[in-house]
Structures are given as structure tokens and as C-alpha cells.
């Protein structure tokens, strides 16, 4: 457990200051080495359909990897950390939001709530994944328990989850959304639809559906997995509001997902999620440096790619044991 005191909190903030600024040259370079490969692979996937569908599919999958990297740029823009000015972040964020099919203003709001409440058991429901405690699950009716079981099934989470995300969730506005946020959501949706229509006219709707579907689906499934493993792992952190601590939530409840170098690059260093949650103004290209040169990060949980696969069994938070458990473990204890 990492201690949390006012003095240490101030120290942590001071240590992160050198990394909490955008470097315009680095940001532009990242846009270039992400956008151009993505657009090239995107076009190549369509053109290769005239040769073989089996050639187009792997190209589309690789393009999905660059879409994930493009999403990280979008993500940084929502934190106002990718460029030095709000205007630049907003412009790039809206454009990358159209490509990734995420409404910029809506996600900016929900993700800010996620950062402010991550690990807080009394403030779940916005910008996070549905997770119940053992006690809450036991209080549900049999039909409600079945619904939760279905939701937490990995095949549903990673299989149907991307469809729900793109077709339903990202297309709707929350009740208290501002006029600006509502307009941005609709502009994102109609821009993407217009692009699909254009691609359908040029190549056919079947080809457009195949390539766009593969790219968006693979990128979304990978994104859901990353979001899941970054907060729901062995020895994660969840507390009631009266005990919840922002710094412990960031350092103990956000994983250091140590990925192989190619995957770390394509995911924009988001595996250094503990750094990101403690300092959301740190651009993705400084996350590794901040981790390596800040003493407090030496004690954070480290998760490898192979080890992360076993986290798929986690379903509920056990408040008595202070850890995530599977349904099998829950029933064995009852």
C-alpha cells in the first residue's frame, strides 16, 4: 500500500510539474506518424479488396491499431494536454473524434468524471464499466443477476461491447448536456455517416461496411480491454466515499500495464495509466519519462500482458477482502 499524506501529495504534484506541459513539435510529429500511416492503411485496405478480401482484412486490422493511437491523441486533447492552447486541443480533438467515432464534448465530460471518481464505490456510473460489490449482487433479483452476469461475460464485453459503444452510447446525449455538447455529438454522427455514404458510392456499401466495420470493431474491442485491465486487476483500489483517496485511487487503482514495445507505441503509452491518473495533464509521450524519473511510481502494481488475461474472471468487488473476485470465489465463500 502506498501512503497518502498531505506532504507526499504536494511532493507528487511538484515531481510531475516538469512533465505536465505539451511540446508542440512532439505533438505535431505524433500526429504525422499516426494520421498518415492510418490514412494510408485505410486507403490500402479498400484498394486491396480488388485483389483479395484476405489481403484487405489484415491491412484493416493493422489500420485499427493506428486508430487506437489516434484515439490516444483524441484522449489527450480532452484533457487539454496535447497542445498548449485550448483552441488547438479542441480542433484536433473534434477531428480525431470524427475518425474514432467518439463525440469530443460528451467524452470529455464523462472522462473528467471518471478521473474525479475512479475507485469511488459511491460515485459509479459515469465514464466507467458496470461493476457491483458482492453485497449489491446478492441483493439483486434472479433476473437482474442474470443481466449483470451477461454484461460481465468477456464475450459480451469484448464482442457486443464495441457495437453498443458505436451504435448506441456514443450517438446519444446525456440529459443535462449543453447545447454545444449536443451539437458536437450530432456533428460527429452525421460526419461519420456522410463519410460512409461517400465510401459506399466510391467502393460499394458492402466494401465500406466490411472495412469500416473491421477497423472500428477491432479498435473498440482493444480499447474496451485496455480500459478494463487498467482498473480491474489484482489488488486494485475501491473504497466508499468517506475513505476514498484520489492519490491512492490513481496509484493503486490504475495499473502499470507493461506492454511489449510495439504495443506500447501503438497504444500511446497508455499502459502507464497510474501516471496518467495522477497527472492527467501529462501528454502521452511523457508518461514513460514521468514514470521512470518519479520515485513514487516505483511502488505501483505492474501487470504484464500474459498475466492480464486472468483478470477476465473478475466479476465483483469484495468489500470484506478488498479485492475483485470471480462468481466462483463468491459462491465458495457463501
Protein backbone atom coordinates (compact mmCIF):
# COMPACT_ATOMS: atom_id res chain seq x y z
CA UNK A 1 0.00 0.00 0.00
CA UNK A 2 1.27 3.47 -0.90
CA UNK A 3 0.94 6.00 1.98
CA UNK A 4 -1.10 9.11 1.37
CA UNK A 5 -0.37 12.29 3.33
CA UNK A 6 -0.73 15.94 2.52
CA UNK A 7 3.05 16.34 2.39
CA UNK A 8 3.50 13.45 -0.02
CA UNK A 9 0.62 14.68 -2.15
CA UNK A 10 2.35 18.03 -2.56
CA UNK A 11 5.62 16.27 -3.33
CA UNK A 12 3.97 14.18 -6.02
CA UNK A 13 2.49 17.22 -7.68
CA UNK A 14 5.84 19.01 -7.63
CA UNK A 15 7.58 15.99 -9.16
CA UNK A 16 5.09 15.85 -12.02
CA UNK A 17 5.34 19.54 -12.93
CA UNK A 18 8.22 19.07 -15.44
CA UNK A 19 6.12 16.63 -17.47
CA UNK A 20 2.79 18.48 -17.40
CA UNK A 21 3.30 20.58 -20.48
CA UNK A 22 2.78 19.95 -24.17
CA UNK A 23 5.66 20.05 -26.63
CA UNK A 24 4.19 21.34 -29.91
CA UNK A 25 6.90 19.71 -32.04
CA UNK A 26 6.37 16.32 -30.39
CA UNK A 27 2.60 16.64 -30.76
CA UNK A 28 2.81 17.51 -34.45
CA UNK A 29 5.25 14.66 -35.04
CA UNK A 30 2.87 12.26 -33.32
CA UNK A 31 0.01 13.49 -35.48
CA UNK A 32 2.14 12.87 -38.57
CA UNK A 33 3.34 9.40 -37.57
CA UNK A 34 -0.22 8.40 -36.63
CA UNK A 35 -2.52 10.11 -39.12
CA UNK A 36 -0.56 9.42 -42.31
CA UNK A 37 0.00 5.69 -41.65
CA UNK A 38 -3.65 5.34 -40.67
CA UNK A 39 -4.91 7.08 -43.82
CA UNK A 40 -2.50 5.08 -45.98
CA UNK A 41 -3.54 1.75 -44.50
CA UNK A 42 -7.18 2.79 -44.64
CA UNK A 43 -6.93 3.50 -48.39
CA UNK A 44 -4.81 0.39 -49.00
CA UNK A 45 -7.42 -1.81 -47.32
CA UNK A 46 -10.06 -0.62 -49.80
CA UNK A 47 -7.79 -0.87 -52.83
CA UNK A 48 -6.61 -4.37 -51.88
CA UNK A 49 -10.20 -5.64 -51.98
CA UNK A 50 -9.86 -5.79 -55.77
CA UNK A 51 -7.09 -8.37 -55.25
CA UNK A 52 -8.30 -10.40 -52.29
CA UNK A 53 -10.51 -9.97 -49.25
CA UNK A 54 -7.92 -11.98 -47.30
CA UNK A 55 -5.34 -9.32 -48.08
CA UNK A 56 -7.69 -6.47 -47.13
CA UNK A 57 -8.68 -7.88 -43.73
CA UNK A 58 -5.18 -7.94 -42.13
CA UNK A 59 -4.46 -4.48 -43.54
CA UNK A 60 -7.69 -3.23 -41.92
CA UNK A 61 -6.67 -4.82 -38.62
CA UNK A 62 -3.31 -3.00 -38.72
CA UNK A 63 -5.16 0.21 -39.54
CA UNK A 64 -7.25 -0.40 -36.41
CA UNK A 65 -4.02 -0.28 -34.39
CA UNK A 66 -3.30 3.21 -35.70
CA UNK A 67 -6.88 4.20 -34.93
CA UNK A 68 -6.20 3.25 -31.31
CA UNK A 69 -3.15 5.53 -31.38
CA UNK A 70 -5.32 8.25 -32.93
CA UNK A 71 -7.77 7.78 -30.06
CA UNK A 72 -4.96 8.42 -27.56
CA UNK A 73 -4.37 11.77 -29.26
CA UNK A 74 -8.12 12.45 -29.01
CA UNK A 75 -7.95 11.41 -25.36
CA UNK A 76 -5.08 13.81 -24.62
CA UNK A 77 -7.00 16.62 -26.31
CA UNK A 78 -9.95 16.07 -23.96
CA UNK A 79 -7.51 16.63 -21.09
CA UNK A 80 -6.15 19.76 -22.83
CA UNK A 81 -2.70 18.15 -22.63
CA UNK A 82 -1.79 17.52 -26.28
CA UNK A 83 -1.30 21.16 -27.32
CA UNK A 84 -0.58 24.30 -25.35
CA UNK A 85 -3.80 26.11 -26.28
CA UNK A 86 -7.43 25.16 -25.71
CA UNK A 87 -8.29 26.02 -29.30
CA UNK A 88 -5.70 23.65 -30.78
CA UNK A 89 -6.77 20.84 -28.44
CA UNK A 90 -10.44 21.37 -29.27
CA UNK A 91 -9.91 21.47 -33.05
CA UNK A 92 -7.74 18.34 -33.14
CA UNK A 93 -10.00 16.64 -30.60
CA UNK A 94 -13.13 17.22 -32.68
CA UNK A 95 -11.44 15.99 -35.88
CA UNK A 96 -9.93 12.88 -34.28
CA UNK A 97 -13.30 12.31 -32.59
CA UNK A 98 -14.95 12.04 -36.00
CA UNK A 99 -12.36 9.50 -37.17
CA UNK A 100 -12.64 7.45 -33.97
CA UNK A 101 -16.45 7.90 -33.84
CA UNK A 102 -16.35 9.49 -30.36
CA UNK A 103 -18.13 12.81 -29.73
CA UNK A 104 -15.48 15.09 -28.27
CA UNK A 105 -17.52 17.17 -25.80
CA UNK A 106 -19.53 14.23 -24.49
CA UNK A 107 -16.48 12.06 -23.88
CA UNK A 108 -14.55 15.00 -22.43
CA UNK A 109 -17.22 15.40 -19.75
CA UNK A 110 -17.60 11.69 -18.96
CA UNK A 111 -13.87 11.09 -18.82
CA UNK A 112 -13.36 14.03 -16.46
CA UNK A 113 -15.95 12.47 -14.15
CA UNK A 114 -14.11 9.15 -14.43
CA UNK A 115 -10.85 10.75 -13.32
CA UNK A 116 -12.52 12.51 -10.41
CA UNK A 117 -14.33 9.39 -9.14
CA UNK A 118 -12.27 6.36 -10.23
CA UNK A 119 -12.31 3.75 -7.46
CA UNK A 120 -15.07 5.55 -5.53
CA UNK A 121 -17.80 2.98 -4.83
CA UNK A 122 -20.36 5.70 -4.08
CA UNK A 123 -19.82 7.55 -7.37
CA UNK A 124 -20.01 4.86 -10.02
CA UNK A 125 -21.97 5.12 -13.24
CA UNK A 126 -20.34 7.81 -15.39
CA UNK A 127 -17.35 7.06 -17.60
CA UNK A 128 -16.72 3.64 -16.09
CA UNK A 129 -17.68 -0.02 -16.52
CA UNK A 130 -20.58 -1.52 -14.59
CA UNK A 131 -19.19 -3.21 -11.50
CA UNK A 132 -21.10 -4.37 -8.43
CA UNK A 133 -19.96 -5.37 -4.98
CA UNK A 134 -20.71 -8.86 -3.67
CA UNK A 135 -23.34 -7.43 -1.33
CA UNK A 136 -25.03 -5.48 -4.13
CA UNK A 137 -25.11 -8.54 -6.37
CA UNK A 138 -26.68 -10.69 -3.65
CA UNK A 139 -29.44 -8.11 -3.20
CA UNK A 140 -30.50 -8.30 -6.87
CA UNK A 141 -33.38 -10.36 -8.13
CA UNK A 142 -32.50 -13.53 -10.11
CA UNK A 143 -33.35 -11.79 -13.41
CA UNK A 144 -31.18 -8.76 -12.51
CA UNK A 145 -28.32 -11.08 -11.58
CA UNK A 146 -28.59 -12.76 -14.98
CA UNK A 147 -28.38 -9.38 -16.71
CA UNK A 148 -25.26 -8.50 -14.75
CA UNK A 149 -23.73 -11.89 -15.48
CA UNK A 150 -24.34 -11.36 -19.18
CA UNK A 151 -22.83 -7.87 -19.08
CA UNK A 152 -19.67 -9.11 -17.32
CA UNK A 153 -19.17 -12.04 -19.66
CA UNK A 154 -15.93 -11.41 -21.63
CA UNK A 155 -17.56 -12.47 -24.90
CA UNK A 156 -20.30 -9.90 -24.38
CA UNK A 157 -17.96 -7.20 -23.06
CA UNK A 158 -15.50 -7.53 -25.93
CA UNK A 159 -17.89 -8.94 -28.54
CA UNK A 160 -21.07 -6.88 -28.23
CA UNK A 161 -19.47 -4.01 -26.31
CA UNK A 162 -17.98 -2.31 -29.40
CA UNK A 163 -21.34 -2.41 -31.19
CA UNK A 164 -23.13 -0.90 -28.20
CA UNK A 165 -20.43 1.77 -27.88
CA UNK A 166 -20.60 2.94 -31.50
CA UNK A 167 -24.24 2.31 -32.41
CA UNK A 168 -25.97 3.42 -29.21
CA UNK A 169 -23.92 5.01 -26.45
CA UNK A 170 -21.83 7.44 -28.49
CA UNK A 171 -24.83 8.54 -30.53
CA UNK A 172 -26.95 9.69 -27.59
CA UNK A 173 -26.62 12.80 -25.44
CA UNK A 174 -26.92 12.77 -21.67
CA UNK A 175 -29.94 14.54 -20.19
CA UNK A 176 -28.09 17.61 -18.90
CA UNK A 177 -25.81 18.03 -21.91
CA UNK A 178 -25.20 21.59 -23.06
CA UNK A 179 -26.30 22.78 -26.49
CA UNK A 180 -22.65 22.76 -27.62
CA UNK A 181 -22.21 19.17 -26.45
CA UNK A 182 -25.41 18.04 -28.19
CA UNK A 183 -24.42 19.69 -31.45
CA UNK A 184 -20.96 18.09 -31.31
CA UNK A 185 -22.48 14.63 -30.80
CA UNK A 186 -24.76 15.05 -33.82
CA UNK A 187 -22.00 16.56 -35.98
CA UNK A 188 -19.75 13.58 -35.15
CA UNK A 189 -22.51 11.11 -36.05
CA UNK A 190 -23.56 12.78 -39.29
CA UNK A 191 -19.95 13.37 -40.38
CA UNK A 192 -19.24 9.68 -39.98
CA UNK A 193 -22.45 8.75 -41.80
CA UNK A 194 -21.58 11.12 -44.65
CA UNK A 195 -18.15 9.53 -44.90
CA UNK A 196 -19.72 6.06 -45.02
CA UNK A 197 -22.11 7.16 -47.77
CA UNK A 198 -19.20 8.60 -49.77
CA UNK A 199 -17.20 5.38 -49.39
CA UNK A 200 -20.28 3.37 -50.37
CA UNK A 201 -20.67 5.40 -53.56
CA UNK A 202 -16.99 5.01 -54.46
CA UNK A 203 -16.48 1.35 -53.47
CA UNK A 204 -19.99 -0.11 -52.64
CA UNK A 205 -21.75 -0.26 -49.31
CA UNK A 206 -20.68 -3.88 -48.76
CA UNK A 207 -16.98 -2.99 -49.05
CA UNK A 208 -17.43 0.11 -46.90
CA UNK A 209 -19.23 -1.88 -44.23
CA UNK A 210 -16.52 -4.56 -44.23
CA UNK A 211 -13.52 -2.24 -43.94
CA UNK A 212 -15.09 0.34 -41.64
CA UNK A 213 -16.59 -2.41 -39.52
CA UNK A 214 -13.29 -4.23 -39.05
CA UNK A 215 -11.32 -1.07 -38.25
CA UNK A 216 -13.82 0.34 -35.77
CA UNK A 217 -14.68 -3.02 -34.20
CA UNK A 218 -11.09 -4.16 -33.61
CA UNK A 219 -10.05 -0.74 -32.28
CA UNK A 220 -13.06 -0.57 -29.94
CA UNK A 221 -12.58 -4.12 -28.61
CA UNK A 222 -8.92 -3.35 -27.86
CA UNK A 223 -9.93 -0.06 -26.24
CA UNK A 224 -12.50 -1.74 -24.01
CA UNK A 225 -9.93 -4.32 -22.97
CA UNK A 226 -7.38 -1.63 -22.11
CA UNK A 227 -9.93 0.32 -20.09
CA UNK A 228 -10.94 -2.86 -18.25
CA UNK A 229 -7.46 -4.06 -17.34
CA UNK A 230 -6.35 -0.58 -16.30
CA UNK A 231 -8.74 -0.55 -13.34
CA UNK A 232 -9.92 -4.09 -12.65
CA UNK A 233 -6.93 -6.19 -11.68
CA UNK A 234 -5.42 -7.99 -8.68
CA UNK A 235 -5.08 -5.71 -5.65
CA UNK A 236 -6.94 -2.84 -7.31
CA UNK A 237 -8.40 0.01 -5.27
CA UNK A 238 -12.06 0.67 -4.48
CA UNK A 239 -13.43 2.44 -1.40
CA UNK A 240 -16.57 4.11 -0.11
CA UNK A 241 -16.61 7.89 -0.43
CA UNK A 242 -15.72 8.55 3.22
CA UNK A 243 -12.49 6.52 2.84
CA UNK A 244 -11.75 7.22 -0.83
CA UNK A 245 -8.46 8.97 -1.60
CA UNK A 246 -7.63 10.45 -5.01
CA UNK A 247 -3.91 9.67 -4.81
CA UNK A 248 -4.36 6.08 -3.70
CA UNK A 249 -7.00 5.63 -6.40
CA UNK A 250 -4.53 6.86 -9.02
CA UNK A 251 -1.54 4.87 -7.83
CA UNK A 252 -3.18 1.68 -6.53
CA UNK A 253 -6.34 1.63 -8.64
CA UNK A 254 -4.73 2.38 -12.02
CA UNK A 255 -2.41 -0.27 -13.40
CA UNK A 256 1.05 -0.07 -14.89
CA UNK A 257 0.30 -2.29 -17.89
CA UNK A 258 3.79 -3.20 -19.11
CA UNK A 259 3.28 -3.98 -22.79
CA UNK A 260 5.81 -5.11 -25.40
CA UNK A 261 7.39 -2.09 -27.11
CA UNK A 262 5.36 -2.27 -30.38
CA UNK A 263 2.09 -2.45 -28.42
CA UNK A 264 3.23 0.30 -26.07
CA UNK A 265 3.88 2.54 -29.08
CA UNK A 266 0.62 1.79 -30.87
CA UNK A 267 -1.36 2.40 -27.65
CA UNK A 268 0.35 5.72 -27.00
CA UNK A 269 1.95 4.69 -23.66
CA UNK A 270 -1.49 4.42 -22.06
CA UNK A 271 -0.20 1.40 -20.14
CA UNK A 272 1.39 3.97 -17.81
CA UNK A 273 -2.10 4.58 -16.57
CA UNK A 274 -1.08 5.25 -12.98
CA UNK A 275 0.93 8.26 -14.18
CA UNK A 276 -1.97 9.46 -16.30
CA UNK A 277 -4.47 9.28 -13.45
CA UNK A 278 -2.23 11.17 -11.07
CA UNK A 279 -1.27 13.77 -13.67
CA UNK A 280 -3.84 13.97 -16.45
CA UNK A 281 -2.03 16.97 -17.94
CA UNK A 282 1.00 14.82 -18.78
CA UNK A 283 0.95 14.23 -22.58
CA UNK A 284 1.12 10.58 -23.60
CA UNK A 285 4.66 10.99 -24.95
CA UNK A 286 5.94 11.99 -21.49
CA UNK A 287 4.22 9.24 -19.48
CA UNK A 288 7.13 6.81 -19.59
CA UNK A 289 9.64 9.50 -18.61
CA UNK A 290 7.47 10.61 -15.71
CA UNK A 291 7.22 7.00 -14.52
CA UNK A 292 10.95 6.37 -14.75
CA UNK A 293 12.06 9.60 -13.09
CA UNK A 294 9.50 9.92 -10.28
CA UNK A 295 10.28 7.86 -7.18
CA UNK A 296 6.73 7.28 -6.04
CA UNK A 297 5.89 5.30 -9.18
CA UNK A 298 8.42 2.60 -8.27
CA UNK A 299 5.83 1.01 -5.97
CA UNK A 300 2.85 0.82 -8.32
CA UNK A 301 1.37 -2.55 -9.37
CA UNK A 302 2.96 -3.93 -12.56
CA UNK A 303 0.88 -6.05 -14.93
CA UNK A 304 2.24 -8.00 -17.88
CA UNK A 305 0.30 -8.93 -21.00
CA UNK A 306 0.22 -12.63 -20.12
CA UNK A 307 -0.77 -12.00 -16.50
CA UNK A 308 -3.59 -9.66 -17.52
CA UNK A 309 -5.56 -12.44 -19.22
CA UNK A 310 -6.52 -13.99 -15.90
CA UNK A 311 -8.30 -10.76 -14.91
CA UNK A 312 -11.15 -11.70 -17.24
CA UNK A 313 -12.51 -13.90 -14.45
CA UNK A 314 -13.11 -10.94 -12.13
CA UNK A 315 -16.77 -10.01 -11.75
CA UNK A 316 -17.39 -8.41 -8.33
CA UNK A 317 -15.68 -6.30 -5.68
CA UNK A 318 -15.50 -7.98 -2.28
CA UNK A 319 -15.51 -5.20 0.32
CA UNK A 320 -14.53 -7.56 3.13
CA UNK A 321 -11.43 -8.86 1.34
CA UNK A 322 -10.73 -5.60 -0.52
CA UNK A 323 -10.23 -7.37 -3.84
CA UNK A 324 -12.00 -8.38 -7.02
CA UNK A 325 -13.44 -11.90 -7.10
CA UNK A 326 -15.00 -14.26 -9.60
CA UNK A 327 -18.53 -15.62 -9.25
CA UNK A 328 -16.99 -18.99 -8.35
CA UNK A 329 -14.99 -17.44 -5.50
CA UNK A 330 -18.05 -15.56 -4.26
CA UNK A 331 -20.21 -18.69 -4.10
CA UNK A 332 -17.40 -20.66 -2.45
CA UNK A 333 -17.32 -18.12 0.37
CA UNK A 334 -21.10 -18.10 0.94
